[in-house]
PDB file of N, CA and C in Angstrom:
ATOM      1  N   ARG A   1     108.142  64.862  69.756  1.00  0.00           N
ATOM      2  CA  ARG A   1     108.600  64.744  71.120  1.00  0.00           C
ATOM      3  C   ARG A   1     109.583  65.869  71.475  1.00  0.00           C
ATOM      4  N   GLU A   2     110.484  66.184  70.590  1.00  0.00           N
ATOM      5  CA  GLU A   2     111.433  67.267  70.821  1.00  0.00           C
ATOM      6  C   GLU A   2     110.708  68.615  70.878  1.00  0.00           C
ATOM      7  N   LEU A   3     109.673  68.766  70.064  1.00  0.00           N
ATOM      8  CA  LEU A   3     108.872  69.991  70.061  1.00  0.00           C
ATOM      9  C   LEU A   3     108.156  70.172  71.405  1.00  0.00           C
ATOM     10  N   ALA A   4     107.607  69.097  71.932  1.00  0.00           N
ATOM     11  CA  ALA A   4     106.926  69.155  73.231  1.00  0.00           C
ATOM     12  C   ALA A   4     107.912  69.528  74.332  1.00  0.00           C
ATOM     13  N   SER A   5     109.110  68.986  74.261  1.00  0.00           N
ATOM     14  CA  SER A   5     110.140  69.302  75.248  1.00  0.00           C
ATOM     15  C   SER A   5     110.523  70.782  75.175  1.00  0.00           C
ATOM     16  N   THR A   6     110.663  71.290  73.961  1.00  0.00           N
ATOM     17  CA  THR A   6     111.002  72.701  73.775  1.00  0.00           C
ATOM     18  C   THR A   6     109.874  73.592  74.283  1.00  0.00           C
ATOM     19  N   ASP A   7     108.633  73.226  73.985  1.00  0.00           N
ATOM     20  CA  ASP A   7     107.484  73.987  74.487  1.00  0.00           C
ATOM     21  C   ASP A   7     107.464  74.009  76.011  1.00  0.00           C
ATOM     22  N   SER A   8     107.785  72.890  76.614  1.00  0.00           N
ATOM     23  CA  SER A   8     107.826  72.800  78.072  1.00  0.00           C
ATOM     24  C   SER A   8     108.922  73.715  78.637  1.00  0.00           C
ATOM     25  N   GLN A   9     110.068  73.737  77.991  1.00  0.00           N
ATOM     26  CA  GLN A   9     111.159  74.608  78.437  1.00  0.00           C
ATOM     27  C   GLN A   9     110.765  76.086  78.311  1.00  0.00           C
ATOM     28  N   ILE A  10     110.058  76.414  77.238  1.00  0.00           N
ATOM     29  CA  ILE A  10     109.595  77.795  77.051  1.00  0.00           C
ATOM     30  C   ILE A  10     108.617  78.177  78.158  1.00  0.00           C
ATOM     31  N   ARG A  11     107.686  77.272  78.499  1.00  0.00           N
ATOM     32  CA  ARG A  11     106.737  77.540  79.591  1.00  0.00           C
ATOM     33  C   ARG A  11     107.480  77.747  80.904  1.00  0.00           C
ATOM     34  N   ASP A  12     108.463  76.890  81.156  1.00  0.00           N
ATOM     35  CA  ASP A  12     109.248  77.022  82.389  1.00  0.00           C
ATOM     36  C   ASP A  12     110.001  78.357  82.418  1.00  0.00           C
ATOM     37  N   ALA A  13     110.572  78.726  81.273  1.00  0.00           N
ATOM     38  CA  ALA A  13     111.316  79.985  81.196  1.00  0.00           C
ATOM     39  C   ALA A  13     110.384  81.177  81.416  1.00  0.00           C
ATOM     40  N   ARG A  14     109.184  81.112  80.858  1.00  0.00           N
ATOM     41  CA  ARG A  14     108.215  82.201  81.051  1.00  0.00           C
ATOM     42  C   ARG A  14     107.792  82.302  82.513  1.00  0.00           C
ATOM     43  N   ALA A  15     107.593  81.159  83.149  1.00  0.00           N
ATOM     44  CA  ALA A  15     107.223  81.163  84.570  1.00  0.00           C
ATOM     45  C   ALA A  15     108.358  81.748  85.405  1.00  0.00           C
ATOM     46  N   LEU A  16     109.590  81.362  85.082  1.00  0.00           N
ATOM     47  CA  LEU A  16     110.748  81.899  85.797  1.00  0.00           C
ATOM     48  C   LEU A  16     110.856  83.407  85.578  1.00  0.00           C
ATOM     49  N   LEU A  17     110.645  83.855  84.346  1.00  0.00           N
ATOM     50  CA  LEU A  17     110.687  85.284  84.043  1.00  0.00           C
ATOM     51  C   LEU A  17     109.630  86.040  84.847  1.00  0.00           C
ATOM     52  N   ALA A  18     108.427  85.498  84.926  1.00  0.00           N
ATOM     53  CA  ALA A  18     107.361  86.145  85.700  1.00  0.00           C
ATOM     54  C   ALA A  18     107.752  86.241  87.170  1.00  0.00           C
ATOM     55  N   ASP A  19     108.327  85.174  87.718  1.00  0.00           N
ATOM     56  CA  ASP A  19     108.771  85.196  89.116  1.00  0.00           C
ATOM     57  C   ASP A  19     109.862  86.242  89.327  1.00  0.00           C
ATOM     58  N   LEU A  20     110.811  86.295  88.411  1.00  0.00           N
ATOM     59  CA  LEU A  20     111.903  87.258  88.530  1.00  0.00           C
ATOM     60  C   LEU A  20     111.397  88.694  88.415  1.00  0.00           C
ATOM     61  N   GLN A  21     110.422  88.922  87.551  1.00  0.00           N
ATOM     62  CA  GLN A  21     109.847  90.264  87.427  1.00  0.00           C
ATOM     63  C   GLN A  21     109.118  90.664  88.704  1.00  0.00           C
ATOM     64  N   THR A  22     108.429  89.721  89.323  1.00  0.00           N
ATOM     65  CA  THR A  22     107.751  89.992  90.591  1.00  0.00           C
ATOM     66  C   THR A  22     108.768  90.328  91.676  1.00  0.00           C
ATOM     67  N   GLN A  23     109.850  89.553  91.744  1.00  0.00           N
ATOM     68  CA  GLN A  23     110.909  89.819  92.723  1.00  0.00           C
ATOM     69  C   GLN A  23     111.532  91.191  92.486  1.00  0.00           C
ATOM     70  N   ARG A  24     111.743  91.526  91.219  1.00  0.00           N
ATOM     71  CA  ARG A  24     112.342  92.822  90.884  1.00  0.00           C
ATOM     72  C   ARG A  24     111.438  93.963  91.346  1.00  0.00           C
ATOM     73  N   CYS A  25     110.149  93.843  91.098  1.00  0.00           N
ATOM     74  CA  CYS A  25     109.203  94.884  91.533  1.00  0.00           C
ATOM     75  C   CYS A  25     109.241  95.059  93.048  1.00  0.00           C
ATOM     76  N   ALA A  26     109.303  93.948  93.765  1.00  0.00           N
ATOM     77  CA  ALA A  26     109.363  94.018  95.223  1.00  0.00           C
ATOM     78  C   ALA A  26     110.650  94.711  95.675  1.00  0.00           C
ATOM     79  N   LEU A  27     111.763  94.392  95.030  1.00  0.00           N
ATOM     80  CA  LEU A  27     113.038  95.018  95.386  1.00  0.00           C
ATOM     81  C   LEU A  27     113.040  96.512  95.066  1.00  0.00           C
ATOM     82  N   VAL A  28     112.452  96.897  93.957  1.00  0.00           N
ATOM     83  CA  VAL A  28     112.363  98.319  93.600  1.00  0.00           C
ATOM     84  C   VAL A  28     111.528  99.063  94.634  1.00  0.00           C
ATOM     85  N   THR A  29     110.447  98.451  95.091  1.00  0.00           N
ATOM     86  CA  THR A  29     109.602  99.072  96.110  1.00  0.00           C
ATOM     87  C   THR A  29     110.386  99.292  97.400  1.00  0.00           C
ATOM     88  N   VAL A  30     111.128  98.281  97.830  1.00  0.00           N
ATOM     89  CA  VAL A  30     111.933  98.401  99.049  1.00  0.00           C
ATOM     90  C   VAL A  30     113.007  99.468  98.867  1.00  0.00           C
ATOM     91  N   LEU A  31     113.658  99.477  97.721  1.00  0.00           N
ATOM     92  CA  LEU A  31     114.697 100.472  97.449  1.00  0.00           C
ATOM     93  C   LEU A  31     114.120 101.885  97.475  1.00  0.00           C
ATOM     94  N   ASP A  32     112.945 102.073  96.903  1.00  0.00           N
ATOM     95  CA  ASP A  32     112.290 103.386  96.937  1.00  0.00           C
ATOM     96  C   ASP A  32     112.004 103.815  98.374  1.00  0.00           C
ATOM     97  N   LEU A  33     111.530 102.884  99.185  1.00  0.00           N
ATOM     98  CA  LEU A  33     111.247 103.206 100.589  1.00  0.00           C
ATOM     99  C   LEU A  33     112.513 103.613 101.331  1.00  0.00           C
ATOM    100  N   VAL A  34     113.587 102.866 101.112  1.00  0.00           N
ATOM    101  CA  VAL A  34     114.859 103.177 101.773  1.00  0.00           C
ATOM    102  C   VAL A  34     115.372 104.539 101.311  1.00  0.00           C
ATOM    103  N   ASN A  35     115.301 104.799 100.009  1.00  0.00           N
ATOM    104  CA  ASN A  35     115.751 106.097  99.495  1.00  0.00           C
ATOM    105  C   ASN A  35     114.918 107.235 100.059  1.00  0.00           C
ATOM    106  N   ASN A  36     113.622 107.023 100.218  1.00  0.00           N
ATOM    107  CA  ASN A  36     112.756 108.061 100.774  1.00  0.00           C
ATOM    108  C   ASN A  36     113.093 108.370 102.227  1.00  0.00           C
ATOM    109  N   LEU A  37     113.597 107.380 102.948  1.00  0.00           N
ATOM    110  CA  LEU A  37     113.978 107.610 104.341  1.00  0.00           C
ATOM    111  C   LEU A  37     115.122 108.609 104.452  1.00  0.00           C
ATOM    112  N   HIS A  38     115.913 108.706 103.398  1.00  0.00           N
ATOM    113  CA  HIS A  38     117.069 109.597 103.418  1.00  0.00           C
ATOM    114  C   HIS A  38     116.814 110.922 102.702  1.00  0.00           C
ATOM    115  N   ALA A  39     115.586 111.173 102.315  1.00  0.00           N
ATOM    116  CA  ALA A  39     115.252 112.418 101.617  1.00  0.00           C
ATOM    117  C   ALA A  39     115.481 113.611 102.548  1.00  0.00           C
ATOM    118  N   PRO A  40     116.023 114.701 102.018  1.00  0.00           N
ATOM    119  CA  PRO A  40     116.302 115.876 102.860  1.00  0.00           C
ATOM    120  C   PRO A  40     115.074 116.417 103.591  1.00  0.00           C
ATOM    121  N   VAL A  41     113.896 116.309 102.988  1.00  0.00           N
ATOM    122  CA  VAL A  41     112.692 116.845 103.625  1.00  0.00           C
ATOM    123  C   VAL A  41     112.399 116.138 104.947  1.00  0.00           C
ATOM    124  N   ARG A  42     112.857 114.920 105.100  1.00  0.00           N
ATOM    125  CA  ARG A  42     112.612 114.181 106.347  1.00  0.00           C
ATOM    126  C   ARG A  42     113.453 114.714 107.501  1.00  0.00           C
ATOM    127  N   ARG A  43     114.473 115.503 107.187  1.00  0.00           N
ATOM    128  CA  ARG A  43     115.331 116.051 108.237  1.00  0.00           C
ATOM    129  C   ARG A  43     114.898 117.454 108.678  1.00  0.00           C
ATOM    130  N   LEU A  44     113.860 117.979 108.033  1.00  0.00           N
ATOM    131  CA  LEU A  44     113.375 119.306 108.421  1.00  0.00           C
ATOM    132  C   LEU A  44     112.693 119.243 109.786  1.00  0.00           C
ATOM    133  N   PRO A  45     112.936 120.234 110.622  1.00  0.00           N
ATOM    134  CA  PRO A  45     112.209 120.280 111.896  1.00  0.00           C
ATOM    135  C   PRO A  45     110.710 120.457 111.646  1.00  0.00           C
ATOM    136  N   VAL A  46     109.913 119.940 112.550  1.00  0.00           N
ATOM    137  CA  VAL A  46     108.459 120.018 112.431  1.00  0.00           C
ATOM    138  C   VAL A  46     108.008 121.473 112.312  1.00  0.00           C
ATOM    139  N   GLU A  47     108.664 122.361 113.021  1.00  0.00           N
ATOM    140  CA  GLU A  47     108.279 123.775 112.983  1.00  0.00           C
ATOM    141  C   GLU A  47     108.420 124.345 111.563  1.00  0.00           C
ATOM    142  N   ILE A  48     109.469 123.965 110.862  1.00  0.00           N
ATOM    143  CA  ILE A  48     109.688 124.441 109.489  1.00  0.00           C
ATOM    144  C   ILE A  48     108.652 123.819 108.553  1.00  0.00           C
ATOM    145  N   LEU A  49     108.412 122.521 108.723  1.00  0.00           N
ATOM    146  CA  LEU A  49     107.398 121.851 107.902  1.00  0.00           C
ATOM    147  C   LEU A  49     106.036 122.517 108.076  1.00  0.00           C
ATOM    148  N   THR A  50     105.701 122.842 109.300  1.00  0.00           N
ATOM    149  CA  THR A  50     104.420 123.481 109.584  1.00  0.00           C
ATOM    150  C   THR A  50     104.304 124.818 108.857  1.00  0.00           C
ATOM    151  N   ILE A  51     105.373 125.581 108.857  1.00  0.00           N
ATOM    152  CA  ILE A  51     105.362 126.870 108.149  1.00  0.00           C
ATOM    153  C   ILE A  51     105.185 126.647 106.650  1.00  0.00           C
ATOM    154  N   ILE A  52     105.897 125.676 106.103  1.00  0.00           N
ATOM    155  CA  ILE A  52     105.780 125.367 104.673  1.00  0.00           C
ATOM    156  C   ILE A  52     104.354 124.945 104.343  1.00  0.00           C
ATOM    157  N   PHE A  53     103.791 124.079 105.167  1.00  0.00           N
ATOM    158  CA  PHE A  53     102.414 123.630 104.931  1.00  0.00           C
ATOM    159  C   PHE A  53     101.456 124.818 104.944  1.00  0.00           C
ATOM    160  N   TYR A  54     101.616 125.686 105.927  1.00  0.00           N
ATOM    161  CA  TYR A  54     100.730 126.845 106.033  1.00  0.00           C
ATOM    162  C   TYR A  54     100.850 127.733 104.796  1.00  0.00           C
ATOM    163  N   LEU A  55     102.074 127.954 104.345  1.00  0.00           N
ATOM    164  CA  LEU A  55     102.280 128.783 103.154  1.00  0.00           C
ATOM    165  C   LEU A  55     101.662 128.146 101.914  1.00  0.00           C
ATOM    166  N   CYS A  56     101.739 126.830 101.819  1.00  0.00           N
ATOM    167  CA  CYS A  56     101.125 126.129 100.678  1.00  0.00           C
ATOM    168  C   CYS A  56      99.611 126.277 100.686  1.00  0.00           C
ATOM    169  N   VAL A  57      99.029 126.136 101.848  1.00  0.00           N
ATOM    170  CA  VAL A  57      97.564 126.178 101.962  1.00  0.00           C
ATOM    171  C   VAL A  57      97.037 127.593 101.777  1.00  0.00           C
ATOM    172  N   SER A  58      97.777 128.588 102.241  1.00  0.00           N
ATOM    173  CA  SER A  58      97.263 129.961 102.208  1.00  0.00           C
ATOM    174  C   SER A  58      97.915 130.804 101.116  1.00  0.00           C
ATOM    175  N   SER A  59      98.443 130.180 100.095  1.00  0.00           N
ATOM    176  CA  SER A  59      99.189 130.922  99.067  1.00  0.00           C
ATOM    177  C   SER A  59      98.267 131.612  98.063  1.00  0.00           C
ATOM    178  N   GLY A  60      97.572 132.649  98.518  1.00  0.00           N
ATOM    179  CA  GLY A  60      96.796 133.484  97.620  1.00  0.00           C
ATOM    180  C   GLY A  60      95.438 132.943  97.199  1.00  0.00           C
ATOM    181  N   ARG A  61      95.061 131.786  97.635  1.00  0.00           N
ATOM    182  CA  ARG A  61      93.746 131.237  97.275  1.00  0.00           C
ATOM    183  C   ARG A  61      92.786 131.426  98.440  1.00  0.00           C
ATOM    184  N   SER A  62      91.523 131.442  98.124  1.00  0.00           N
ATOM    185  CA  SER A  62      90.555 131.548  99.214  1.00  0.00           C
ATOM    186  C   SER A  62      90.479 130.210  99.934  1.00  0.00           C
ATOM    187  N   ARG A  63      90.483 130.254 101.239  1.00  0.00           N
ATOM    188  CA  ARG A  63      90.468 129.025 102.036  1.00  0.00           C
ATOM    189  C   ARG A  63      89.195 128.227 101.807  1.00  0.00           C
ATOM    190  N   GLU A  64      88.108 128.914 101.489  1.00  0.00           N
ATOM    191  CA  GLU A  64      86.856 128.187 101.293  1.00  0.00           C
ATOM    192  C   GLU A  64      86.943 127.269 100.083  1.00  0.00           C
ATOM    193  N   LYS A  65      87.620 127.710  99.039  1.00  0.00           N
ATOM    194  CA  LYS A  65      87.631 126.937  97.796  1.00  0.00           C
ATOM    195  C   LYS A  65      88.676 125.825  97.808  1.00  0.00           C
ATOM    196  N   ALA A  66      89.942 126.198  97.897  1.00  0.00           N
ATOM    197  CA  ALA A  66      90.993 125.209  97.676  1.00  0.00           C
ATOM    198  C   ALA A  66      91.815 124.893  98.914  1.00  0.00           C
ATOM    199  N   GLY A  67      91.806 125.775  99.898  1.00  0.00           N
ATOM    200  CA  GLY A  67      92.681 125.595 101.049  1.00  0.00           C
ATOM    201  C   GLY A  67      92.519 124.269 101.749  1.00  0.00           C
ATOM    202  N   ILE A  68      91.289 123.871 101.994  1.00  0.00           N
ATOM    203  CA  ILE A  68      91.054 122.614 102.705  1.00  0.00           C
ATOM    204  C   ILE A  68      91.517 121.424 101.878  1.00  0.00           C
ATOM    205  N   PHE A  69      91.355 121.514 100.563  1.00  0.00           N
ATOM    206  CA  PHE A  69      91.798 120.415  99.702  1.00  0.00           C
ATOM    207  C   PHE A  69      93.320 120.311  99.691  1.00  0.00           C
ATOM    208  N   ASP A  70      94.004 121.463  99.716  1.00  0.00           N
ATOM    209  CA  ASP A  70      95.464 121.446  99.805  1.00  0.00           C
ATOM    210  C   ASP A  70      95.911 120.816 101.122  1.00  0.00           C
ATOM    211  N   ALA A  71      95.225 121.161 102.203  1.00  0.00           N
ATOM    212  CA  ALA A  71      95.569 120.590 103.505  1.00  0.00           C
ATOM    213  C   ALA A  71      95.369 119.080 103.504  1.00  0.00           C
ATOM    214  N   VAL A  72      94.296 118.629 102.892  1.00  0.00           N
ATOM    215  CA  VAL A  72      94.038 117.183 102.810  1.00  0.00           C
ATOM    216  C   VAL A  72      95.126 116.507 101.984  1.00  0.00           C
ATOM    217  N   ARG A  73      95.515 117.126 100.874  1.00  0.00           N
ATOM    218  CA  ARG A  73      96.585 116.556 100.048  1.00  0.00           C
ATOM    219  C   ARG A  73      97.885 116.450 100.823  1.00  0.00           C
ATOM    220  N   ILE A  74      98.225 117.499 101.552  1.00  0.00           N
ATOM    221  CA  ILE A  74      99.446 117.478 102.360  1.00  0.00           C
ATOM    222  C   ILE A  74      99.361 116.367 103.393  1.00  0.00           C
ATOM    223  N   ALA A  75      98.228 116.256 104.059  1.00  0.00           N
ATOM    224  CA  ALA A  75      98.056 115.245 105.104  1.00  0.00           C
ATOM    225  C   ALA A  75      98.033 113.829 104.545  1.00  0.00           C
ATOM    226  N   SER A  76      97.881 113.691 103.242  1.00  0.00           N
ATOM    227  CA  SER A  76      97.815 112.362 102.623  1.00  0.00           C
ATOM    228  C   SER A  76      99.167 111.849 102.141  1.00  0.00           C
ATOM    229  N   VAL A  77     100.213 112.639 102.283  1.00  0.00           N
ATOM    230  CA  VAL A  77     101.521 112.241 101.756  1.00  0.00           C
ATOM    231  C   VAL A  77     102.101 111.067 102.532  1.00  0.00           C
ATOM    232  N   CYS A  78     102.166 111.179 103.842  1.00  0.00           N
ATOM    233  CA  CYS A  78     102.720 110.099 104.668  1.00  0.00           C
ATOM    234  C   CYS A  78     102.242 110.309 106.105  1.00  0.00           C
ATOM    235  N   ALA A  79     102.502 109.334 106.949  1.00  0.00           N
ATOM    236  CA  ALA A  79     102.036 109.397 108.338  1.00  0.00           C
ATOM    237  C   ALA A  79     102.654 110.576 109.084  1.00  0.00           C
ATOM    238  N   SER A  80     103.914 110.842 108.828  1.00  0.00           N
ATOM    239  CA  SER A  80     104.584 111.951 109.506  1.00  0.00           C
ATOM    240  C   SER A  80     103.963 113.291 109.120  1.00  0.00           C
ATOM    241  N   TRP A  81     103.733 113.479 107.824  1.00  0.00           N
ATOM    242  CA  TRP A  81     103.111 114.723 107.368  1.00  0.00           C
ATOM    243  C   TRP A  81     101.680 114.819 107.864  1.00  0.00           C
ATOM    244  N   ARG A  82     100.978 113.691 107.932  1.00  0.00           N
ATOM    245  CA  ARG A  82      99.599 113.702 108.409  1.00  0.00           C
ATOM    246  C   ARG A  82      99.549 114.192 109.853  1.00  0.00           C
ATOM    247  N   SER A  83     100.402 113.634 110.701  1.00  0.00           N
ATOM    248  CA  SER A  83     100.359 114.049 112.109  1.00  0.00           C
ATOM    249  C   SER A  83     100.784 115.506 112.261  1.00  0.00           C
ATOM    250  N   THR A  84     101.750 115.945 111.453  1.00  0.00           N
ATOM    251  CA  THR A  84     102.184 117.341 111.506  1.00  0.00           C
ATOM    252  C   THR A  84     101.066 118.274 111.044  1.00  0.00           C
ATOM    253  N   ALA A  85     100.422 117.925 109.940  1.00  0.00           N
ATOM    254  CA  ALA A  85      99.342 118.764 109.404  1.00  0.00           C
ATOM    255  C   ALA A  85      98.143 118.798 110.342  1.00  0.00           C
ATOM    256  N   LEU A  86      97.771 117.653 110.879  1.00  0.00           N
ATOM    257  CA  LEU A  86      96.602 117.609 111.765  1.00  0.00           C
ATOM    258  C   LEU A  86      96.840 118.370 113.064  1.00  0.00           C
ATOM    259  N   ALA A  87      98.101 118.481 113.466  1.00  0.00           N
ATOM    260  CA  ALA A  87      98.417 119.179 114.707  1.00  0.00           C
ATOM    261  C   ALA A  87      98.378 120.699 114.557  1.00  0.00           C
ATOM    262  N   ASP A  88      98.338 121.195 113.322  1.00  0.00           N
ATOM    263  CA  ASP A  88      98.338 122.643 113.094  1.00  0.00           C
ATOM    264  C   ASP A  88      96.937 123.109 112.710  1.00  0.00           C
ATOM    265  N   ALA A  89      96.250 123.733 113.643  1.00  0.00           N
ATOM    266  CA  ALA A  89      94.865 124.173 113.427  1.00  0.00           C
ATOM    267  C   ALA A  89      94.750 125.213 112.316  1.00  0.00           C
ATOM    268  N   ARG A  90      95.830 125.938 112.013  1.00  0.00           N
ATOM    269  CA  ARG A  90      95.761 126.970 110.968  1.00  0.00           C
ATOM    270  C   ARG A  90      95.476 126.380 109.591  1.00  0.00           C
ATOM    271  N   LEU A  91      95.802 125.122 109.384  1.00  0.00           N
ATOM    272  CA  LEU A  91      95.574 124.506 108.080  1.00  0.00           C
ATOM    273  C   LEU A  91      94.114 124.163 107.863  1.00  0.00           C
ATOM    274  N   TRP A  92      93.358 124.063 108.925  1.00  0.00           N
ATOM    275  CA  TRP A  92      91.978 123.587 108.831  1.00  0.00           C
ATOM    276  C   TRP A  92      91.026 124.701 109.147  1.00  0.00           C
TER     277      TRP A  92
END
């Protein structure tokens, strides 16, 4: 009987641990999002970002081979970068 009680407590503790780990993961995700909002790159003017994107895409490679893939990668980072990249015809 005492063994069954101990086993039950272990199951409860494992369930609690799983719940706490899930909560921790959710909190880490939120913290990462908040930290990303304060990243210096988010304060760059769109004009500067556009120049950086163009330099990345046209940095010595032929546009036929890798340029379009670089532009797609840039546009896949976040919604802000996507709208900035799509608005600049030089990248495409």
